[in-house]
Amino acid sequence: MNQCAALELKEMEVRLDSMYSKFIFNHNDASQKLFLELKKNWIAYRDAQCAFNTRGSVGGSVHPFVLAWCLRQLTEQHIALMTDQLNCEEGDLSCAHHPSSAGP
């Protein structure tokens, strides 16, 4: 179970990295810097949230599975958010994907 959960998490992380690459490619240097900061902070948030969520299983044999499941779940949710950003409509100023909203 632990190996399967770890593999599924790795697959989600590969998908997320692919999406990150698409964002970096489509933005200027200032936006790329902000985006890389967001990425670092989101990973720190995800890891801290899952450490908190799974504190009841620490030390048990189920902990690696529960932790990987939590990380996978939050990564999947983040992928959905990033997908929305990549597929937003032209002119949507709340969308970071369009170069017109990338800033100077």
Foldseek 3Di string as FASTA:
>chain_A
DLVVLQVLLVVLVVLVVVLLVLQCVQADPVLNVVSVVVVVVVVVVQLVVLCVVQVVCPPHPCSSNSSSVSSSVVSVVVSVVSVCLCPDDPPPLVRCRHHVNRDD
